[in-house]
């Protein structure tokens, strides 16, 4: 039996309270899925704009080049694939992983798999924001400006080649690694207000179940209000990292020794 034909959701179309037997292809600006159940995938075409609200997707969500997707109060049983997307917001639950390349993404809720996101090198002030999230797999971010606040990461966090980064009010079960950051990195000591970071004590301390590894960063790295079960290892870099109000269960090595 042939699979059901895909439904196309074009400009100013509403799919409200419907069950779609197959895939939905979003083409153009203004498609809105509201209180729907998609038994297949949601495919957001290159340059399209999609709003998906209070909807269940049994398959995957794929966001094409230059496309925007606002996924609010969603359950995606599969994963989310970002194919050079422009802007993506995910609030809800993702059953597998979030992967790919995007200029900007905000993720809040539960991701049962990993997060592997790359931001184009030319994008310096946007990137991944991970807020009030519970992530089952490893979080890997390459490039962009990264903000991680009020999260539970059940494995580790690796930030590579980011332009800047703030991680605070976070519980990281395994290692936290920052390598080759271009600009300042702050871990643990800032407070997230919902609209940005401010100086002052965070709502809770950051915990790391493994090691904190700071490697070859080009600018200042500040770690504070953090409890690290393993080692803190600092290698290379233009400036010696600064540790303030940090407990370390293992050893301080390299430029962080002493």
C-alpha atoms as a PDB file:
ATOM      1  CA  UNK A   1       0.000   0.000   0.000  1.00  0.00           C
ATOM      2  CA  UNK A   2       1.354   3.410  -0.963  1.00  0.00           C
ATOM      3  CA  UNK A   3       1.999   5.876   1.886  1.00  0.00           C
ATOM      4  CA  UNK A   4      -0.504   8.711   2.296  1.00  0.00           C
ATOM      5  CA  UNK A   5       0.106  11.743   0.123  1.00  0.00           C
ATOM      6  CA  UNK A   6       1.762  14.661   1.910  1.00  0.00           C
ATOM      7  CA  UNK A   7      -0.380  17.617   2.870  1.00  0.00           C
ATOM      8  CA  UNK A   8       0.943  21.038   1.815  1.00  0.00           C
ATOM      9  CA  UNK A   9       0.527  23.954   4.200  1.00  0.00           C
ATOM     10  CA  UNK A  10       1.052  27.215   2.347  1.00  0.00           C
ATOM     11  CA  UNK A  11       0.882  30.923   3.123  1.00  0.00           C
ATOM     12  CA  UNK A  12      -1.837  31.781   5.640  1.00  0.00           C
ATOM     13  CA  UNK A  13      -3.054  28.154   5.846  1.00  0.00           C
ATOM     14  CA  UNK A  14      -4.299  26.823   9.186  1.00  0.00           C
ATOM     15  CA  UNK A  15      -4.403  23.141  10.027  1.00  0.00           C
ATOM     16  CA  UNK A  16      -6.486  23.378  13.172  1.00  0.00           C
ATOM     17  CA  UNK A  17      -7.500  20.329  15.201  1.00  0.00           C
ATOM     18  CA  UNK A  18      -6.818  17.863  12.387  1.00  0.00           C
ATOM     19  CA  UNK A  19      -5.117  14.484  12.169  1.00  0.00           C
ATOM     20  CA  UNK A  20      -2.773  14.267   9.181  1.00  0.00           C
ATOM     21  CA  UNK A  21      -2.280  10.646   8.011  1.00  0.00           C
ATOM     22  CA  UNK A  22       1.160  11.310   6.497  1.00  0.00           C
ATOM     23  CA  UNK A  23       3.661  14.171   6.178  1.00  0.00           C
ATOM     24  CA  UNK A  24       3.079  17.909   6.208  1.00  0.00           C
ATOM     25  CA  UNK A  25       5.158  20.075   3.847  1.00  0.00           C
ATOM     26  CA  UNK A  26       5.305  23.727   4.885  1.00  0.00           C
ATOM     27  CA  UNK A  27       5.890  25.925   1.843  1.00  0.00           C
ATOM     28  CA  UNK A  28       5.827  29.708   2.094  1.00  0.00           C
ATOM     29  CA  UNK A  29       5.212  32.131   4.940  1.00  0.00           C
ATOM     30  CA  UNK A  30       2.359  31.818   7.404  1.00  0.00           C
ATOM     31  CA  UNK A  31       1.471  28.126   7.796  1.00  0.00           C
ATOM     32  CA  UNK A  32       0.106  27.330  11.275  1.00  0.00           C
ATOM     33  CA  UNK A  33      -0.493  23.869  12.722  1.00  0.00           C
ATOM     34  CA  UNK A  34      -2.645  24.208  15.826  1.00  0.00           C
ATOM     35  CA  UNK A  35      -3.801  21.368  18.073  1.00  0.00           C
ATOM     36  CA  UNK A  36      -2.982  18.881  15.312  1.00  0.00           C
ATOM     37  CA  UNK A  37      -1.649  15.328  15.159  1.00  0.00           C
ATOM     38  CA  UNK A  38       0.776  14.567  12.328  1.00  0.00           C
ATOM     39  CA  UNK A  39       1.345  10.853  11.857  1.00  0.00           C
ATOM     40  CA  UNK A  40       4.358  11.445   9.607  1.00  0.00           C
ATOM     41  CA  UNK A  41       7.026  14.171   9.402  1.00  0.00           C
ATOM     42  CA  UNK A  42       6.814  17.960   9.284  1.00  0.00           C
ATOM     43  CA  UNK A  43       9.062  19.239   6.487  1.00  0.00           C
ATOM     44  CA  UNK A  44       9.681  23.008   6.461  1.00  0.00           C
ATOM     45  CA  UNK A  45      10.866  23.946   2.962  1.00  0.00           C
ATOM     46  CA  UNK A  46      13.807  26.253   2.303  1.00  0.00           C
ATOM     47  CA  UNK A  47      12.899  29.823   3.207  1.00  0.00           C
ATOM     48  CA  UNK A  48       9.486  28.906   4.633  1.00  0.00           C
ATOM     49  CA  UNK A  49       8.039  30.007   7.984  1.00  0.00           C
ATOM     50  CA  UNK A  50       6.110  27.550  10.168  1.00  0.00           C
ATOM     51  CA  UNK A  51       4.203  27.873  13.430  1.00  0.00           C
ATOM     52  CA  UNK A  52       3.407  24.609  15.200  1.00  0.00           C
ATOM     53  CA  UNK A  53       1.435  24.910  18.439  1.00  0.00           C
ATOM     54  CA  UNK A  54       0.002  22.276  20.828  1.00  0.00           C
ATOM     55  CA  UNK A  55       0.716  19.598  18.219  1.00  0.00           C
ATOM     56  CA  UNK A  56       2.065  16.040  18.212  1.00  0.00           C
ATOM     57  CA  UNK A  57       4.383  14.882  15.422  1.00  0.00           C
ATOM     58  CA  UNK A  58       4.931  11.108  15.286  1.00  0.00           C
ATOM     59  CA  UNK A  59       7.895  11.428  12.920  1.00  0.00           C
ATOM     60  CA  UNK A  60      10.645  14.044  12.557  1.00  0.00           C
ATOM     61  CA  UNK A  61      10.688  17.795  12.031  1.00  0.00           C
ATOM     62  CA  UNK A  62      13.089  18.962   9.294  1.00  0.00           C
ATOM     63  CA  UNK A  63      13.787  22.698   8.908  1.00  0.00           C
ATOM     64  CA  UNK A  64      15.302  23.712   5.584  1.00  0.00           C
ATOM     65  CA  UNK A  65      17.837  26.336   4.564  1.00  0.00           C
ATOM     66  CA  UNK A  66      16.894  29.865   5.598  1.00  0.00           C
ATOM     67  CA  UNK A  67      13.629  28.613   7.110  1.00  0.00           C
ATOM     68  CA  UNK A  68      12.070  29.570  10.441  1.00  0.00           C
ATOM     69  CA  UNK A  69      10.098  27.286  12.740  1.00  0.00           C
ATOM     70  CA  UNK A  70       8.344  28.136  15.998  1.00  0.00           C
ATOM     71  CA  UNK A  71       7.475  24.862  17.755  1.00  0.00           C
ATOM     72  CA  UNK A  72       5.525  25.713  20.896  1.00  0.00           C
ATOM     73  CA  UNK A  73       4.006  23.163  23.287  1.00  0.00           C
ATOM     74  CA  UNK A  74       4.906  20.320  20.924  1.00  0.00           C
ATOM     75  CA  UNK A  75       5.644  16.633  21.246  1.00  0.00           C
ATOM     76  CA  UNK A  76       7.965  15.354  18.524  1.00  0.00           C
ATOM     77  CA  UNK A  77       8.325  11.588  18.805  1.00  0.00           C
ATOM     78  CA  UNK A  78      11.287  11.567  16.416  1.00  0.00           C
ATOM     79  CA  UNK A  79      14.069  14.131  16.102  1.00  0.00           C
ATOM     80  CA  UNK A  80      14.591  17.649  14.793  1.00  0.00           C
ATOM     81  CA  UNK A  81      16.950  18.125  11.830  1.00  0.00           C
ATOM     82  CA  UNK A  82      18.263  21.635  11.057  1.00  0.00           C
ATOM     83  CA  UNK A  83      19.456  21.980   7.466  1.00  0.00           C
ATOM     84  CA  UNK A  84      21.048  25.469   7.603  1.00  0.00           C
ATOM     85  CA  UNK A  85      17.927  26.905   9.244  1.00  0.00           C
ATOM     86  CA  UNK A  86      17.645  30.607  10.036  1.00  0.00           C
ATOM     87  CA  UNK A  87      15.756  30.589  13.328  1.00  0.00           C
ATOM     88  CA  UNK A  88      14.207  27.753  15.348  1.00  0.00           C
ATOM     89  CA  UNK A  89      12.374  27.760  18.670  1.00  0.00           C
ATOM     90  CA  UNK A  90      11.529  24.432  20.322  1.00  0.00           C
ATOM     91  CA  UNK A  91       9.418  24.384  23.491  1.00  0.00           C
ATOM     92  CA  UNK A  92       8.140  20.961  24.481  1.00  0.00           C
ATOM     93  CA  UNK A  93       9.435  17.420  24.111  1.00  0.00           C
ATOM     94  CA  UNK A  94      11.699  15.814  21.494  1.00  0.00           C
ATOM     95  CA  UNK A  95      11.931  12.020  21.614  1.00  0.00           C
ATOM     96  CA  UNK A  96      15.257  11.708  19.838  1.00  0.00           C
ATOM     97  CA  UNK A  97      18.002  14.226  18.991  1.00  0.00           C
ATOM     98  CA  UNK A  98      18.276  17.804  17.712  1.00  0.00           C
ATOM     99  CA  UNK A  99      20.982  18.014  15.056  1.00  0.00           C
ATOM    100  CA  UNK A 100      22.261  20.217  12.258  1.00  0.00           C
ATOM    101  CA  UNK A 101      23.201  23.794  11.405  1.00  0.00           C
ATOM    102  CA  UNK A 102      21.284  26.956  12.235  1.00  0.00           C
ATOM    103  CA  UNK A 103      21.883  30.663  12.749  1.00  0.00           C
ATOM    104  CA  UNK A 104      19.850  30.649  15.945  1.00  0.00           C
ATOM    105  CA  UNK A 105      17.970  28.140  18.082  1.00  0.00           C
ATOM    106  CA  UNK A 106      16.209  28.230  21.436  1.00  0.00           C
ATOM    107  CA  UNK A 107      15.444  24.906  23.106  1.00  0.00           C
ATOM    108  CA  UNK A 108      13.364  24.618  26.276  1.00  0.00           C
ATOM    109  CA  UNK A 109      11.797  21.424  27.581  1.00  0.00           C
ATOM    110  CA  UNK A 110      12.916  17.810  27.224  1.00  0.00           C
ATOM    111  CA  UNK A 111      15.248  16.357  24.592  1.00  0.00           C
ATOM    112  CA  UNK A 112      15.675  12.634  25.189  1.00  0.00           C
ATOM    113  CA  UNK A 113      18.583  12.276  22.768  1.00  0.00           C
ATOM    114  CA  UNK A 114      21.606  14.462  22.065  1.00  0.00           C
ATOM    115  CA  UNK A 115      21.923  18.037  20.855  1.00  0.00           C
ATOM    116  CA  UNK A 116      24.509  18.557  18.113  1.00  0.00           C
ATOM    117  CA  UNK A 117      24.263  22.077  16.692  1.00  0.00           C
ATOM    118  CA  UNK A 118      26.685  24.021  14.509  1.00  0.00           C
ATOM    119  CA  UNK A 119      26.384  27.771  13.918  1.00  0.00           C
ATOM    120  CA  UNK A 120      27.970  29.300  10.779  1.00  0.00           C
ATOM    121  CA  UNK A 121      31.338  30.881  11.495  1.00  0.00           C
ATOM    122  CA  UNK A 122      30.166  34.305  10.303  1.00  0.00           C
ATOM    123  CA  UNK A 123      27.384  34.361  12.939  1.00  0.00           C
ATOM    124  CA  UNK A 124      28.861  35.863  16.104  1.00  0.00           C
ATOM    125  CA  UNK A 125      26.020  37.249  18.234  1.00  0.00           C
ATOM    126  CA  UNK A 126      23.426  34.500  17.737  1.00  0.00           C
ATOM    127  CA  UNK A 127      23.561  30.765  18.314  1.00  0.00           C
ATOM    128  CA  UNK A 128      22.112  28.209  20.711  1.00  0.00           C
ATOM    129  CA  UNK A 129      20.158  29.141  23.832  1.00  0.00           C
ATOM    130  CA  UNK A 130      19.349  26.182  26.067  1.00  0.00           C
ATOM    131  CA  UNK A 131      17.008  27.248  28.863  1.00  0.00           C
ATOM    132  CA  UNK A 132      14.998  25.282  31.408  1.00  0.00           C
ATOM    133  CA  UNK A 133      15.831  22.072  29.583  1.00  0.00           C
ATOM    134  CA  UNK A 134      16.453  18.417  30.432  1.00  0.00           C
ATOM    135  CA  UNK A 135      18.704  16.707  27.875  1.00  0.00           C
ATOM    136  CA  UNK A 136      19.374  12.966  27.907  1.00  0.00           C
ATOM    137  CA  UNK A 137      22.341  12.884  25.511  1.00  0.00           C
ATOM    138  CA  UNK A 138      25.549  14.842  25.060  1.00  0.00           C
ATOM    139  CA  UNK A 139      25.285  18.512  24.083  1.00  0.00           C
ATOM    140  CA  UNK A 140      27.812  19.582  21.423  1.00  0.00           C
ATOM    141  CA  UNK A 141      27.855  23.146  20.103  1.00  0.00           C
ATOM    142  CA  UNK A 142      30.196  24.499  17.428  1.00  0.00           C
ATOM    143  CA  UNK A 143      30.342  28.258  16.846  1.00  0.00           C
ATOM    144  CA  UNK A 144      28.042  31.164  17.623  1.00  0.00           C
ATOM    145  CA  UNK A 145      27.110  32.698  20.967  1.00  0.00           C
ATOM    146  CA  UNK A 146      25.919  30.022  23.394  1.00  0.00           C
ATOM    147  CA  UNK A 147      23.728  30.527  26.467  1.00  0.00           C
ATOM    148  CA  UNK A 148      22.978  27.606  28.794  1.00  0.00           C
ATOM    149  CA  UNK A 149      20.811  28.337  31.841  1.00  0.00           C
ATOM    150  CA  UNK A 150      18.742  26.373  34.370  1.00  0.00           C
ATOM    151  CA  UNK A 151      19.338  22.984  32.741  1.00  0.00           C
ATOM    152  CA  UNK A 152      19.881  19.341  33.591  1.00  0.00           C
ATOM    153  CA  UNK A 153      22.300  17.654  31.199  1.00  0.00           C
ATOM    154  CA  UNK A 154      22.342  13.916  31.831  1.00  0.00           C
ATOM    155  CA  UNK A 155      25.603  13.512  29.968  1.00  0.00           C
ATOM    156  CA  UNK A 156      28.145  16.207  29.101  1.00  0.00           C
ATOM    157  CA  UNK A 157      28.559  19.597  27.429  1.00  0.00           C
ATOM    158  CA  UNK A 158      31.197  20.445  24.804  1.00  0.00           C
ATOM    159  CA  UNK A 159      31.545  23.959  23.357  1.00  0.00           C
ATOM    160  CA  UNK A 160      33.972  24.343  20.458  1.00  0.00           C
ATOM    161  CA  UNK A 161      34.974  27.466  18.515  1.00  0.00           C
ATOM    162  CA  UNK A 162      32.159  29.504  20.074  1.00  0.00           C
ATOM    163  CA  UNK A 163      32.411  33.277  19.868  1.00  0.00           C
ATOM    164  CA  UNK A 164      31.214  33.657  23.437  1.00  0.00           C
ATOM    165  CA  UNK A 165      29.427  31.528  26.003  1.00  0.00           C
ATOM    166  CA  UNK A 166      27.697  31.665  29.370  1.00  0.00           C
ATOM    167  CA  UNK A 167      26.793  28.513  31.318  1.00  0.00           C
ATOM    168  CA  UNK A 168      25.130  28.906  34.702  1.00  0.00           C
ATOM    169  CA  UNK A 169      22.574  27.282  37.007  1.00  0.00           C
ATOM    170  CA  UNK A 170      23.402  23.998  35.261  1.00  0.00           C
ATOM    171  CA  UNK A 171      23.752  20.389  36.357  1.00  0.00           C
ATOM    172  CA  UNK A 172      26.126  18.519  34.029  1.00  0.00           C
ATOM    173  CA  UNK A 173      26.474  14.799  34.734  1.00  0.00           C
ATOM    174  CA  UNK A 174      29.737  14.210  32.829  1.00  0.00           C
ATOM    175  CA  UNK A 175      32.466  16.557  31.505  1.00  0.00           C
ATOM    176  CA  UNK A 176      32.112  20.241  30.650  1.00  0.00           C
ATOM    177  CA  UNK A 177      34.596  21.193  27.925  1.00  0.00           C
ATOM    178  CA  UNK A 178      35.260  24.603  26.380  1.00  0.00           C
ATOM    179  CA  UNK A 179      37.814  24.600  23.588  1.00  0.00           C
ATOM    180  CA  UNK A 180      39.082  27.335  21.284  1.00  0.00           C
ATOM    181  CA  UNK A 181      36.513  29.960  22.247  1.00  0.00           C
ATOM    182  CA  UNK A 182      37.135  33.267  20.484  1.00  0.00           C
ATOM    183  CA  UNK A 183      35.852  35.572  23.224  1.00  0.00           C
ATOM    184  CA  UNK A 184      34.992  35.531  26.926  1.00  0.00           C
ATOM    185  CA  UNK A 185      33.454  32.451  28.540  1.00  0.00           C
ATOM    186  CA  UNK A 186      31.628  32.534  31.879  1.00  0.00           C
ATOM    187  CA  UNK A 187      30.725  29.370  33.798  1.00  0.00           C
ATOM    188  CA  UNK A 188      28.605  29.253  36.935  1.00  0.00           C
ATOM    189  CA  UNK A 189      28.748  32.702  38.464  1.00  0.00           C
ATOM    190  CA  UNK A 190      26.195  34.792  36.526  1.00  0.00           C
ATOM    191  CA  UNK A 191      22.434  34.911  37.101  1.00  0.00           C
ATOM    192  CA  UNK A 192      19.901  34.336  34.329  1.00  0.00           C
ATOM    193  CA  UNK A 193      16.838  36.633  34.403  1.00  0.00           C
ATOM    194  CA  UNK A 194      14.925  35.103  31.484  1.00  0.00           C
ATOM    195  CA  UNK A 195      15.928  37.998  29.277  1.00  0.00           C
ATOM    196  CA  UNK A 196      19.684  37.980  29.805  1.00  0.00           C
ATOM    197  CA  UNK A 197      22.581  37.613  32.230  1.00  0.00           C
ATOM    198  CA  UNK A 198      23.316  39.895  35.160  1.00  0.00           C
ATOM    199  CA  UNK A 199      26.063  40.042  37.741  1.00  0.00           C
ATOM    200  CA  UNK A 200      25.166  38.597  41.101  1.00  0.00           C
ATOM    201  CA  UNK A 201      24.755  35.230  42.739  1.00  0.00           C
ATOM    202  CA  UNK A 202      22.961  32.637  40.592  1.00  0.00           C
ATOM    203  CA  UNK A 203      19.748  30.997  41.765  1.00  0.00           C
ATOM    204  CA  UNK A 204      21.722  27.781  42.261  1.00  0.00           C
ATOM    205  CA  UNK A 205      25.297  26.593  41.888  1.00  0.00           C
ATOM    206  CA  UNK A 206      26.480  24.811  38.774  1.00  0.00           C
ATOM    207  CA  UNK A 207      27.492  21.171  39.297  1.00  0.00           C
ATOM    208  CA  UNK A 208      29.730  19.059  37.066  1.00  0.00           C
ATOM    209  CA  UNK A 209      29.902  15.308  37.662  1.00  0.00           C
ATOM    210  CA  UNK A 210      33.043  14.837  35.584  1.00  0.00           C
ATOM    211  CA  UNK A 211      35.900  17.192  34.671  1.00  0.00           C
ATOM    212  CA  UNK A 212      35.965  20.824  33.585  1.00  0.00           C
ATOM    213  CA  UNK A 213      38.357  21.089  30.629  1.00  0.00           C
ATOM    214  CA  UNK A 214      39.382  24.529  29.345  1.00  0.00           C
ATOM    215  CA  UNK A 215      41.503  24.185  26.231  1.00  0.00           C
ATOM    216  CA  UNK A 216      43.210  26.775  23.994  1.00  0.00           C
ATOM    217  CA  UNK A 217      40.722  29.581  24.548  1.00  0.00           C
ATOM    218  CA  UNK A 218      41.625  32.954  23.051  1.00  0.00           C
ATOM    219  CA  UNK A 219      40.128  35.169  25.746  1.00  0.00           C
ATOM    220  CA  UNK A 220      39.232  35.238  29.413  1.00  0.00           C
ATOM    221  CA  UNK A 221      37.458  32.286  31.069  1.00  0.00           C
ATOM    222  CA  UNK A 222      35.810  32.807  34.468  1.00  0.00           C
ATOM    223  CA  UNK A 223      34.459  29.877  36.522  1.00  0.00           C
ATOM    224  CA  UNK A 224      32.593  30.540  39.762  1.00  0.00           C
ATOM    225  CA  UNK A 225      29.818  29.254  42.026  1.00  0.00           C
ATOM    226  CA  UNK A 226      30.512  25.729  40.776  1.00  0.00           C
ATOM    227  CA  UNK A 227      31.096  22.294  42.286  1.00  0.00           C
ATOM    228  CA  UNK A 228      33.245  19.959  40.171  1.00  0.00           C
ATOM    229  CA  UNK A 229      33.464  16.287  41.112  1.00  0.00           C
ATOM    230  CA  UNK A 230      36.471  15.576  38.900  1.00  0.00           C
ATOM    231  CA  UNK A 231      39.462  17.619  37.758  1.00  0.00           C
ATOM    232  CA  UNK A 232      39.761  21.141  36.422  1.00  0.00           C
ATOM    233  CA  UNK A 233      42.278  21.062  33.589  1.00  0.00           C
ATOM    234  CA  UNK A 234      43.434  24.203  31.771  1.00  0.00           C
ATOM    235  CA  UNK A 235      45.735  23.980  28.766  1.00  0.00           C
ATOM    236  CA  UNK A 236      46.938  26.631  26.327  1.00  0.00           C
ATOM    237  CA  UNK A 237      44.959  29.813  25.942  1.00  0.00           C
ATOM    238  CA  UNK A 238      45.867  33.477  25.902  1.00  0.00           C
ATOM    239  CA  UNK A 239      44.783  34.210  29.488  1.00  0.00           C
ATOM    240  CA  UNK A 240      44.945  32.059  32.613  1.00  0.00           C
ATOM    241  CA  UNK A 241      41.369  31.090  33.602  1.00  0.00           C
ATOM    242  CA  UNK A 242      40.039  32.581  36.845  1.00  0.00           C
ATOM    243  CA  UNK A 243      38.370  30.268  39.377  1.00  0.00           C
ATOM    244  CA  UNK A 244      36.385  31.828  42.225  1.00  0.00           C
ATOM    245  CA  UNK A 245      34.194  29.949  44.717  1.00  0.00           C
ATOM    246  CA  UNK A 246      34.826  26.616  42.985  1.00  0.00           C
ATOM    247  CA  UNK A 247      35.082  23.265  44.781  1.00  0.00           C
ATOM    248  CA  UNK A 248      37.142  20.613  42.980  1.00  0.00           C
ATOM    249  CA  UNK A 249      36.945  16.936  43.923  1.00  0.00           C
ATOM    250  CA  UNK A 250      39.966  15.978  41.858  1.00  0.00           C
ATOM    251  CA  UNK A 251      43.059  17.962  40.847  1.00  0.00           C
ATOM    252  CA  UNK A 252      43.636  21.405  39.340  1.00  0.00           C
ATOM    253  CA  UNK A 253      46.053  20.926  36.473  1.00  0.00           C
ATOM    254  CA  UNK A 254      47.861  22.968  33.851  1.00  0.00           C
ATOM    255  CA  UNK A 255      47.287  26.708  34.057  1.00  0.00           C
ATOM    256  CA  UNK A 256      44.670  26.131  36.780  1.00  0.00           C
ATOM    257  CA  UNK A 257      47.105  24.315  39.092  1.00  0.00           C
ATOM    258  CA  UNK A 258      47.725  25.653  42.554  1.00  0.00           C
END
